[in-house]
Amino acid sequence: MIEDQLKAVIRDIPDFPKPGIVFKDITPLLQHSELVELAVQEFARRLENIEFDVIAGIESRGFLFGFLLAQYMKKPFIPIRKQGKLPYHTVSESYKLEYGQATIEMHEDAFPKGTKVLLHDDLLATGGTVVAASKLIEKVGGSVAGYTFVISLDFLQSAGRLTRFNENIISLVGYQ
């Protein structure tokens, strides 16, 4: 089962980025090209009945599998980046963090109005960044067709924050 294979290589980093948090590190996974390929194939299999036009990935780890999945499925890839990192005209969305505020941006011409966007990030935790990215997609006239995550911290129950945009939520590894 792919979940067990992924869990075997995902590393726990205690007290990162602050005390009390156990960070789920996917960088060891990137050293296993066969397992990365299996993960991309599993995402594609689970997406077979979901219609979408493009894949957007959230900076920075969302670029890793988001881009590979876009290439595998022959779809365009859209980067959603931290404020000030994109060179062209952008639209932005700010959101609250536990310790402050952040802003993400996307090119204003990233896709035409009416585009169905699959949104990818490496991990679903509290959902703040993903909700902001979903609002950003809607702001430029797109709609969220679904979500993919390598990891979901299910004990935080954040998937409920996403269902107002779309109920297609796929994660390969869940932690209860």
N, C-alpha and C. Protein backbone atom coordinates (compact mmCIF):
# COMPACT_ATOMS: atom_id res chain seq x y z
N MET A 1 0.84 -1.18 0.00
CA MET A 1 0.00 0.00 0.00
C MET A 1 0.89 1.25 0.00
N ILE A 2 0.57 2.20 -0.86
CA ILE A 2 1.44 3.37 -1.03
C ILE A 2 1.53 4.21 0.25
N GLU A 3 0.46 4.27 1.02
CA GLU A 3 0.51 5.06 2.25
C GLU A 3 1.59 4.54 3.18
N ASP A 4 1.69 3.22 3.34
CA ASP A 4 2.71 2.64 4.20
C ASP A 4 4.11 2.90 3.67
N GLN A 5 4.27 2.81 2.35
CA GLN A 5 5.58 3.08 1.75
C GLN A 5 6.00 4.54 1.98
N LEU A 6 5.05 5.45 1.83
CA LEU A 6 5.36 6.87 2.03
C LEU A 6 5.67 7.16 3.50
N LYS A 7 4.86 6.61 4.39
CA LYS A 7 5.10 6.82 5.82
C LYS A 7 6.48 6.31 6.25
N ALA A 8 6.96 5.26 5.58
CA ALA A 8 8.26 4.68 5.93
C ALA A 8 9.42 5.64 5.63
N VAL A 9 9.22 6.60 4.71
CA VAL A 9 10.31 7.52 4.37
C VAL A 9 10.07 8.96 4.80
N ILE A 10 8.85 9.31 5.19
CA ILE A 10 8.58 10.66 5.69
C ILE A 10 9.18 10.76 7.09
N ARG A 11 9.94 11.82 7.29
CA ARG A 11 10.69 11.98 8.53
C ARG A 11 9.96 12.95 9.46
N ASP A 12 9.89 12.62 10.74
CA ASP A 12 9.36 13.53 11.76
C ASP A 12 10.48 14.39 12.32
N ILE A 13 10.24 15.70 12.36
CA ILE A 13 11.20 16.63 12.95
C ILE A 13 10.49 17.28 14.14
N PRO A 14 10.83 16.86 15.37
CA PRO A 14 10.15 17.45 16.54
C PRO A 14 10.54 18.90 16.76
N ASP A 15 9.58 19.67 17.25
CA ASP A 15 9.79 21.07 17.65
C ASP A 15 10.24 21.96 16.49
N PHE A 16 9.73 21.69 15.28
CA PHE A 16 10.03 22.54 14.13
C PHE A 16 8.71 22.90 13.45
N PRO A 17 8.47 24.13 13.12
CA PRO A 17 9.32 25.31 13.25
C PRO A 17 9.29 25.95 14.63
N LYS A 18 8.48 25.38 15.55
CA LYS A 18 8.47 25.90 16.92
C LYS A 18 8.15 24.77 17.88
N PRO A 19 8.43 24.95 19.15
CA PRO A 19 8.19 23.88 20.13
C PRO A 19 6.75 23.37 20.10
N GLY A 20 6.62 22.04 20.20
CA GLY A 20 5.32 21.40 20.24
C GLY A 20 4.81 20.92 18.89
N ILE A 21 5.44 21.35 17.80
CA ILE A 21 5.03 20.93 16.46
C ILE A 21 5.95 19.82 15.98
N VAL A 22 5.36 18.77 15.41
CA VAL A 22 6.15 17.70 14.78
C VAL A 22 6.00 17.90 13.27
N PHE A 23 7.07 18.38 12.64
CA PHE A 23 7.09 18.66 11.21
C PHE A 23 7.22 17.36 10.44
N LYS A 24 6.38 17.20 9.41
CA LYS A 24 6.46 16.03 8.53
C LYS A 24 7.31 16.41 7.33
N ASP A 25 8.50 15.86 7.25
CA ASP A 25 9.49 16.22 6.25
C ASP A 25 9.46 15.24 5.08
N ILE A 26 9.12 15.77 3.88
CA ILE A 26 9.06 14.90 2.70
C ILE A 26 10.39 14.84 1.94
N THR A 27 11.41 15.58 2.39
CA THR A 27 12.65 15.56 1.62
C THR A 27 13.28 14.17 1.51
N PRO A 28 13.19 13.29 2.52
CA PRO A 28 13.73 11.93 2.30
C PRO A 28 12.99 11.19 1.19
N LEU A 29 11.71 11.47 1.01
CA LEU A 29 10.94 10.85 -0.07
C LEU A 29 11.55 11.18 -1.43
N LEU A 30 12.07 12.39 -1.58
CA LEU A 30 12.61 12.84 -2.85
C LEU A 30 13.87 12.06 -3.26
N GLN A 31 14.43 11.32 -2.32
CA GLN A 31 15.60 10.48 -2.61
C GLN A 31 15.21 9.12 -3.17
N HIS A 32 13.91 8.87 -3.28
CA HIS A 32 13.40 7.58 -3.76
C HIS A 32 12.60 7.81 -5.03
N SER A 33 13.30 7.88 -6.16
CA SER A 33 12.64 8.24 -7.41
C SER A 33 11.52 7.26 -7.78
N GLU A 34 11.69 5.98 -7.48
CA GLU A 34 10.63 5.02 -7.81
C GLU A 34 9.38 5.30 -6.99
N LEU A 35 9.54 5.66 -5.73
CA LEU A 35 8.40 5.96 -4.86
C LEU A 35 7.74 7.28 -5.26
N VAL A 36 8.54 8.26 -5.66
CA VAL A 36 7.99 9.52 -6.18
C VAL A 36 7.13 9.22 -7.41
N GLU A 37 7.64 8.38 -8.30
CA GLU A 37 6.89 8.02 -9.50
C GLU A 37 5.58 7.31 -9.14
N LEU A 38 5.64 6.41 -8.16
CA LEU A 38 4.43 5.72 -7.72
C LEU A 38 3.41 6.70 -7.13
N ALA A 39 3.90 7.69 -6.38
CA ALA A 39 3.01 8.69 -5.80
C ALA A 39 2.31 9.50 -6.88
N VAL A 40 3.05 9.92 -7.89
CA VAL A 40 2.47 10.68 -9.00
C VAL A 40 1.43 9.82 -9.72
N GLN A 41 1.76 8.57 -9.96
CA GLN A 41 0.81 7.66 -10.61
C GLN A 41 -0.44 7.46 -9.77
N GLU A 42 -0.29 7.39 -8.46
CA GLU A 42 -1.44 7.21 -7.57
C GLU A 42 -2.33 8.45 -7.57
N PHE A 43 -1.71 9.64 -7.55
CA PHE A 43 -2.50 10.86 -7.69
C PHE A 43 -3.32 10.81 -8.98
N ALA A 44 -2.65 10.48 -10.09
CA ALA A 44 -3.33 10.44 -11.39
C ALA A 44 -4.48 9.43 -11.38
N ARG A 45 -4.26 8.29 -10.78
CA ARG A 45 -5.31 7.26 -10.70
C ARG A 45 -6.52 7.80 -9.93
N ARG A 46 -6.27 8.46 -8.81
CA ARG A 46 -7.36 8.98 -7.98
C ARG A 46 -8.06 10.18 -8.63
N LEU A 47 -7.41 10.80 -9.59
CA LEU A 47 -7.99 11.96 -10.29
C LEU A 47 -8.74 11.59 -11.56
N GLU A 48 -8.79 10.31 -11.89
CA GLU A 48 -9.38 9.88 -13.17
C GLU A 48 -10.77 10.44 -13.43
N ASN A 49 -11.60 10.58 -12.42
CA ASN A 49 -12.98 11.04 -12.61
C ASN A 49 -13.19 12.50 -12.24
N ILE A 50 -12.11 13.24 -12.08
CA ILE A 50 -12.21 14.66 -11.74
C ILE A 50 -11.75 15.47 -12.95
N GLU A 51 -12.60 16.36 -13.39
CA GLU A 51 -12.30 17.18 -14.56
C GLU A 51 -11.60 18.47 -14.13
N PHE A 52 -10.43 18.72 -14.71
CA PHE A 52 -9.70 19.96 -14.44
C PHE A 52 -8.85 20.32 -15.65
N ASP A 53 -8.49 21.61 -15.72
CA ASP A 53 -7.74 22.13 -16.87
C ASP A 53 -6.26 22.36 -16.57
N VAL A 54 -5.96 22.80 -15.36
CA VAL A 54 -4.59 23.13 -14.96
C VAL A 54 -4.34 22.66 -13.54
N ILE A 55 -3.07 22.58 -13.18
CA ILE A 55 -2.68 22.28 -11.80
C ILE A 55 -1.91 23.48 -11.27
N ALA A 56 -2.33 23.96 -10.10
CA ALA A 56 -1.61 25.03 -9.42
C ALA A 56 -0.93 24.45 -8.19
N GLY A 57 0.32 24.85 -7.96
CA GLY A 57 1.07 24.39 -6.80
C GLY A 57 1.44 25.56 -5.93
N ILE A 58 1.39 25.34 -4.61
CA ILE A 58 1.68 26.39 -3.64
C ILE A 58 3.15 26.30 -3.23
N GLU A 59 3.81 27.45 -3.24
CA GLU A 59 5.23 27.54 -2.87
C GLU A 59 5.46 26.97 -1.48
N SER A 60 6.53 26.32 -1.30
CA SER A 60 7.46 25.86 -2.31
C SER A 60 7.36 24.36 -2.52
N ARG A 61 7.04 23.62 -1.47
CA ARG A 61 6.99 22.16 -1.63
C ARG A 61 5.83 21.71 -2.50
N GLY A 62 4.81 22.55 -2.65
CA GLY A 62 3.71 22.23 -3.55
C GLY A 62 4.13 22.22 -5.01
N PHE A 63 5.28 22.82 -5.29
CA PHE A 63 5.80 22.80 -6.66
C PHE A 63 6.32 21.42 -7.04
N LEU A 64 6.83 20.68 -6.06
CA LEU A 64 7.52 19.43 -6.35
C LEU A 64 6.59 18.42 -7.01
N PHE A 65 5.58 17.97 -6.30
CA PHE A 65 4.67 16.99 -6.87
C PHE A 65 3.65 17.63 -7.80
N GLY A 66 3.30 18.89 -7.54
CA GLY A 66 2.36 19.59 -8.42
C GLY A 66 2.88 19.65 -9.85
N PHE A 67 4.13 20.01 -10.00
CA PHE A 67 4.73 20.10 -11.34
C PHE A 67 4.88 18.72 -11.97
N LEU A 68 5.34 17.74 -11.17
CA LEU A 68 5.48 16.39 -11.72
C LEU A 68 4.13 15.84 -12.17
N LEU A 69 3.10 16.08 -11.37
CA LEU A 69 1.76 15.61 -11.72
C LEU A 69 1.26 16.30 -12.99
N ALA A 70 1.51 17.60 -13.09
CA ALA A 70 1.10 18.34 -14.29
C ALA A 70 1.80 17.76 -15.52
N GLN A 71 3.06 17.47 -15.43
CA GLN A 71 3.79 16.89 -16.56
C GLN A 71 3.24 15.50 -16.90
N TYR A 72 3.02 14.70 -15.88
CA TYR A 72 2.53 13.34 -16.07
C TYR A 72 1.16 13.33 -16.74
N MET A 73 0.30 14.30 -16.34
CA MET A 73 -1.07 14.36 -16.86
C MET A 73 -1.20 15.30 -18.05
N LYS A 74 -0.06 15.86 -18.49
CA LYS A 74 -0.03 16.75 -19.65
C LYS A 74 -0.96 17.96 -19.47
N LYS A 75 -0.83 18.59 -18.29
CA LYS A 75 -1.61 19.78 -17.95
C LYS A 75 -0.65 20.94 -17.68
N PRO A 76 -1.10 22.18 -17.92
CA PRO A 76 -0.27 23.33 -17.56
C PRO A 76 -0.09 23.41 -16.04
N PHE A 77 1.00 24.03 -15.62
CA PHE A 77 1.29 24.22 -14.20
C PHE A 77 1.32 25.70 -13.87
N ILE A 78 0.68 26.08 -12.78
CA ILE A 78 0.60 27.47 -12.33
C ILE A 78 1.26 27.57 -10.95
N PRO A 79 2.30 28.39 -10.80
CA PRO A 79 2.88 28.58 -9.46
C PRO A 79 2.12 29.64 -8.66
N ILE A 80 1.85 29.33 -7.42
CA ILE A 80 1.31 30.30 -6.46
C ILE A 80 2.44 30.54 -5.47
N ARG A 81 2.89 31.81 -5.41
CA ARG A 81 4.11 32.11 -4.67
C ARG A 81 3.88 33.10 -3.54
N LYS A 82 4.87 33.19 -2.68
CA LYS A 82 4.88 34.20 -1.63
C LYS A 82 4.96 35.58 -2.28
N GLN A 83 4.45 36.57 -1.57
CA GLN A 83 4.39 37.94 -2.09
C GLN A 83 5.77 38.42 -2.54
N GLY A 84 5.78 39.06 -3.72
CA GLY A 84 7.00 39.68 -4.23
C GLY A 84 7.92 38.76 -5.01
N LYS A 85 7.52 37.53 -5.26
CA LYS A 85 8.40 36.58 -5.94
C LYS A 85 8.10 36.39 -7.42
N LEU A 86 6.93 36.83 -7.88
CA LEU A 86 6.57 36.67 -9.29
C LEU A 86 6.89 37.94 -10.07
N PRO A 87 7.40 37.82 -11.29
CA PRO A 87 7.90 38.98 -12.03
C PRO A 87 6.85 39.81 -12.76
N TYR A 88 5.66 39.26 -13.00
CA TYR A 88 4.67 39.95 -13.82
C TYR A 88 3.57 40.51 -12.91
N HIS A 89 2.54 41.08 -13.52
CA HIS A 89 1.41 41.62 -12.75
C HIS A 89 0.73 40.49 -11.99
N THR A 90 0.43 40.73 -10.72
CA THR A 90 -0.12 39.67 -9.87
C THR A 90 -1.42 40.10 -9.20
N VAL A 91 -2.14 39.10 -8.72
CA VAL A 91 -3.23 39.29 -7.77
C VAL A 91 -2.78 38.62 -6.49
N SER A 92 -3.27 39.12 -5.36
CA SER A 92 -2.78 38.59 -4.09
C SER A 92 -3.93 38.30 -3.13
N GLU A 93 -3.63 37.48 -2.16
CA GLU A 93 -4.58 37.13 -1.11
C GLU A 93 -3.79 36.98 0.19
N SER A 94 -4.22 37.70 1.20
CA SER A 94 -3.57 37.62 2.51
C SER A 94 -4.38 36.71 3.43
N TYR A 95 -3.69 36.13 4.38
CA TYR A 95 -4.35 35.23 5.34
C TYR A 95 -3.57 35.26 6.65
N LYS A 96 -4.24 34.82 7.71
CA LYS A 96 -3.64 34.83 9.04
C LYS A 96 -2.92 33.52 9.32
N LEU A 97 -1.82 33.66 10.01
CA LEU A 97 -1.06 32.53 10.51
C LEU A 97 -1.15 32.56 12.03
N GLU A 98 -0.72 31.49 12.67
CA GLU A 98 -0.69 31.48 14.13
C GLU A 98 0.15 32.64 14.68
N TYR A 99 1.17 33.00 13.94
CA TYR A 99 2.15 33.96 14.42
C TYR A 99 2.19 35.23 13.59
N GLY A 100 1.15 35.53 12.82
CA GLY A 100 1.15 36.76 12.03
C GLY A 100 0.27 36.66 10.80
N GLN A 101 0.75 37.22 9.71
CA GLN A 101 0.00 37.24 8.46
C GLN A 101 0.95 36.95 7.31
N ALA A 102 0.39 36.38 6.24
CA ALA A 102 1.18 36.11 5.04
C ALA A 102 0.34 36.46 3.83
N THR A 103 1.00 36.62 2.70
CA THR A 103 0.33 36.93 1.44
C THR A 103 0.90 36.05 0.35
N ILE A 104 0.00 35.49 -0.46
CA ILE A 104 0.43 34.72 -1.62
C ILE A 104 -0.07 35.42 -2.88
N GLU A 105 0.60 35.13 -3.99
CA GLU A 105 0.27 35.79 -5.26
C GLU A 105 0.30 34.79 -6.41
N MET A 106 -0.37 35.22 -7.49
CA MET A 106 -0.40 34.46 -8.72
C MET A 106 -0.43 35.48 -9.86
N HIS A 107 0.13 35.15 -10.99
CA HIS A 107 0.04 36.06 -12.14
C HIS A 107 -1.42 36.28 -12.50
N GLU A 108 -1.76 37.52 -12.82
CA GLU A 108 -3.15 37.84 -13.14
C GLU A 108 -3.65 37.14 -14.40
N ASP A 109 -2.73 36.74 -15.26
CA ASP A 109 -3.11 36.04 -16.49
C ASP A 109 -2.73 34.55 -16.45
N ALA A 110 -2.70 33.98 -15.26
CA ALA A 110 -2.27 32.59 -15.10
C ALA A 110 -3.14 31.61 -15.88
N PHE A 111 -4.43 31.93 -16.02
CA PHE A 111 -5.34 31.09 -16.78
C PHE A 111 -6.56 31.91 -17.16
N PRO A 112 -7.28 31.49 -18.20
CA PRO A 112 -8.48 32.22 -18.61
C PRO A 112 -9.64 32.01 -17.62
N LYS A 113 -10.55 32.95 -17.59
CA LYS A 113 -11.75 32.82 -16.76
C LYS A 113 -12.46 31.53 -17.10
N GLY A 114 -13.03 30.91 -16.09
CA GLY A 114 -13.75 29.65 -16.28
C GLY A 114 -12.88 28.41 -16.17
N THR A 115 -11.59 28.58 -15.94
CA THR A 115 -10.67 27.45 -15.84
C THR A 115 -10.92 26.67 -14.55
N LYS A 116 -10.88 25.35 -14.67
CA LYS A 116 -11.01 24.46 -13.51
C LYS A 116 -9.60 24.11 -13.05
N VAL A 117 -9.31 24.46 -11.80
CA VAL A 117 -7.95 24.34 -11.28
C VAL A 117 -7.86 23.26 -10.20
N LEU A 118 -6.94 22.34 -10.36
CA LEU A 118 -6.59 21.39 -9.31
C LEU A 118 -5.49 22.05 -8.49
N LEU A 119 -5.68 22.14 -7.19
CA LEU A 119 -4.73 22.81 -6.31
C LEU A 119 -3.93 21.77 -5.54
N HIS A 120 -2.60 21.88 -5.61
CA HIS A 120 -1.72 20.91 -4.94
C HIS A 120 -0.82 21.61 -3.92
N ASP A 121 -0.66 20.95 -2.78
CA ASP A 121 0.37 21.32 -1.82
C ASP A 121 0.89 20.03 -1.19
N ASP A 122 2.05 20.11 -0.57
CA ASP A 122 2.62 18.89 -0.01
C ASP A 122 1.86 18.42 1.22
N LEU A 123 1.28 19.37 2.00
CA LEU A 123 0.70 19.00 3.27
C LEU A 123 -0.51 19.86 3.59
N LEU A 124 -1.57 19.23 4.06
CA LEU A 124 -2.72 19.95 4.58
C LEU A 124 -2.64 19.92 6.09
N ALA A 125 -2.41 21.10 6.68
CA ALA A 125 -2.37 21.21 8.15
C ALA A 125 -3.60 22.01 8.58
N THR A 126 -3.43 23.28 8.88
CA THR A 126 -4.58 24.09 9.32
C THR A 126 -5.44 24.54 8.15
N GLY A 127 -4.89 24.54 6.95
CA GLY A 127 -5.66 24.89 5.76
C GLY A 127 -5.63 26.35 5.38
N GLY A 128 -4.98 27.19 6.16
CA GLY A 128 -4.98 28.63 5.88
C GLY A 128 -4.41 29.00 4.53
N THR A 129 -3.29 28.45 4.17
CA THR A 129 -2.67 28.77 2.89
C THR A 129 -3.52 28.25 1.74
N VAL A 130 -4.08 27.06 1.90
CA VAL A 130 -4.87 26.46 0.83
C VAL A 130 -6.18 27.23 0.63
N VAL A 131 -6.80 27.69 1.72
CA VAL A 131 -8.00 28.51 1.59
C VAL A 131 -7.66 29.81 0.86
N ALA A 132 -6.54 30.43 1.23
CA ALA A 132 -6.12 31.67 0.56
C ALA A 132 -5.87 31.41 -0.93
N ALA A 133 -5.23 30.30 -1.26
CA ALA A 133 -4.98 29.96 -2.67
C ALA A 133 -6.29 29.72 -3.41
N SER A 134 -7.25 29.11 -2.75
CA SER A 134 -8.57 28.88 -3.36
C SER A 134 -9.26 30.20 -3.66
N LYS A 135 -9.17 31.14 -2.73
CA LYS A 135 -9.76 32.47 -2.95
C LYS A 135 -9.05 33.18 -4.10
N LEU A 136 -7.75 33.01 -4.18
CA LEU A 136 -6.96 33.61 -5.26
C LEU A 136 -7.42 33.08 -6.62
N ILE A 137 -7.64 31.79 -6.70
CA ILE A 137 -8.11 31.17 -7.94
C ILE A 137 -9.46 31.75 -8.34
N GLU A 138 -10.35 31.88 -7.38
CA GLU A 138 -11.67 32.45 -7.67
C GLU A 138 -11.58 33.93 -8.04
N LYS A 139 -10.63 34.63 -7.44
CA LYS A 139 -10.46 36.06 -7.69
C LYS A 139 -10.16 36.35 -9.16
N VAL A 140 -9.45 35.42 -9.83
CA VAL A 140 -9.12 35.63 -11.25
C VAL A 140 -10.08 34.89 -12.18
N GLY A 141 -11.19 34.39 -11.62
CA GLY A 141 -12.23 33.81 -12.45
C GLY A 141 -12.18 32.32 -12.65
N GLY A 142 -11.33 31.64 -11.91
CA GLY A 142 -11.27 30.18 -11.99
C GLY A 142 -12.11 29.54 -10.90
N SER A 143 -12.18 28.23 -10.94
CA SER A 143 -12.85 27.48 -9.87
C SER A 143 -11.95 26.32 -9.46
N VAL A 144 -12.04 25.96 -8.19
CA VAL A 144 -11.24 24.86 -7.67
C VAL A 144 -11.95 23.55 -8.03
N ALA A 145 -11.25 22.70 -8.77
CA ALA A 145 -11.80 21.41 -9.18
C ALA A 145 -11.50 20.32 -8.17
N GLY A 146 -10.54 20.58 -7.28
CA GLY A 146 -10.16 19.60 -6.28
C GLY A 146 -8.80 19.93 -5.71
N TYR A 147 -8.39 19.10 -4.75
CA TYR A 147 -7.14 19.30 -4.02
C TYR A 147 -6.38 17.99 -3.97
N THR A 148 -5.06 18.09 -4.05
CA THR A 148 -4.20 16.94 -3.80
C THR A 148 -3.12 17.33 -2.81
N PHE A 149 -2.85 16.41 -1.90
CA PHE A 149 -1.81 16.59 -0.88
C PHE A 149 -1.06 15.28 -0.74
N VAL A 150 0.24 15.36 -0.51
CA VAL A 150 0.98 14.15 -0.17
C VAL A 150 0.54 13.72 1.22
N ILE A 151 0.44 14.68 2.15
CA ILE A 151 0.15 14.41 3.55
C ILE A 151 -1.04 15.26 4.00
N SER A 152 -1.87 14.66 4.83
CA SER A 152 -2.94 15.39 5.49
C SER A 152 -2.87 15.10 6.99
N LEU A 153 -2.83 16.16 7.78
CA LEU A 153 -2.87 16.02 9.24
C LEU A 153 -4.34 15.99 9.63
N ASP A 154 -4.93 14.82 9.52
CA ASP A 154 -6.38 14.66 9.69
C ASP A 154 -6.86 15.08 11.07
N PHE A 155 -6.00 14.95 12.07
CA PHE A 155 -6.40 15.30 13.43
C PHE A 155 -6.71 16.79 13.58
N LEU A 156 -6.26 17.62 12.64
CA LEU A 156 -6.57 19.05 12.66
C LEU A 156 -7.92 19.36 12.01
N GLN A 157 -8.51 18.38 11.34
CA GLN A 157 -9.83 18.49 10.73
C GLN A 157 -9.98 19.72 9.83
N SER A 158 -8.97 19.96 9.02
CA SER A 158 -8.97 21.14 8.14
C SER A 158 -9.66 20.92 6.81
N ALA A 159 -9.90 19.68 6.44
CA ALA A 159 -10.56 19.43 5.16
C ALA A 159 -11.91 20.13 5.10
N GLY A 160 -12.57 20.28 6.23
CA GLY A 160 -13.85 20.98 6.28
C GLY A 160 -13.77 22.43 5.84
N ARG A 161 -12.61 23.04 5.99
CA ARG A 161 -12.42 24.42 5.53
C ARG A 161 -12.38 24.51 4.01
N LEU A 162 -12.09 23.40 3.34
CA LEU A 162 -11.93 23.40 1.89
C LEU A 162 -13.21 23.04 1.15
N THR A 163 -14.13 22.35 1.80
CA THR A 163 -15.30 21.83 1.10
C THR A 163 -16.19 22.92 0.53
N ARG A 164 -16.10 24.13 1.04
CA ARG A 164 -16.90 25.20 0.44
C ARG A 164 -16.42 25.54 -0.97
N PHE A 165 -15.17 25.20 -1.28
CA PHE A 165 -14.63 25.41 -2.63
C PHE A 165 -14.83 24.16 -3.48
N ASN A 166 -14.54 22.99 -2.90
CA ASN A 166 -14.73 21.73 -3.60
C ASN A 166 -14.52 20.58 -2.61
N GLU A 167 -15.26 19.51 -2.80
CA GLU A 167 -15.17 18.35 -1.88
C GLU A 167 -14.21 17.28 -2.36
N ASN A 168 -13.60 17.47 -3.53
CA ASN A 168 -12.61 16.51 -4.04
C ASN A 168 -11.28 16.78 -3.35
N ILE A 169 -11.02 16.05 -2.27
CA ILE A 169 -9.81 16.23 -1.49
C ILE A 169 -9.09 14.89 -1.41
N ILE A 170 -7.91 14.86 -1.99
CA ILE A 170 -7.13 13.62 -2.06
C ILE A 170 -5.82 13.81 -1.31
N SER A 171 -5.53 12.90 -0.38
CA SER A 171 -4.20 12.88 0.22
C SER A 171 -3.72 11.43 0.24
N LEU A 172 -2.44 11.27 0.02
CA LEU A 172 -1.88 9.91 -0.04
C LEU A 172 -1.58 9.35 1.33
N VAL A 173 -1.28 10.24 2.29
CA VAL A 173 -0.95 9.83 3.64
C VAL A 173 -1.75 10.66 4.62
N GLY A 174 -2.43 9.99 5.54
CA GLY A 174 -3.17 10.70 6.57
C GLY A 174 -2.62 10.35 7.94
N TYR A 175 -2.52 11.35 8.79
CA TYR A 175 -2.10 11.15 10.17
C TYR A 175 -3.27 11.52 11.07
N GLN A 176 -3.69 10.56 11.89
CA GLN A 176 -4.84 10.77 12.78
C GLN A 176 -4.44 11.46 14.07
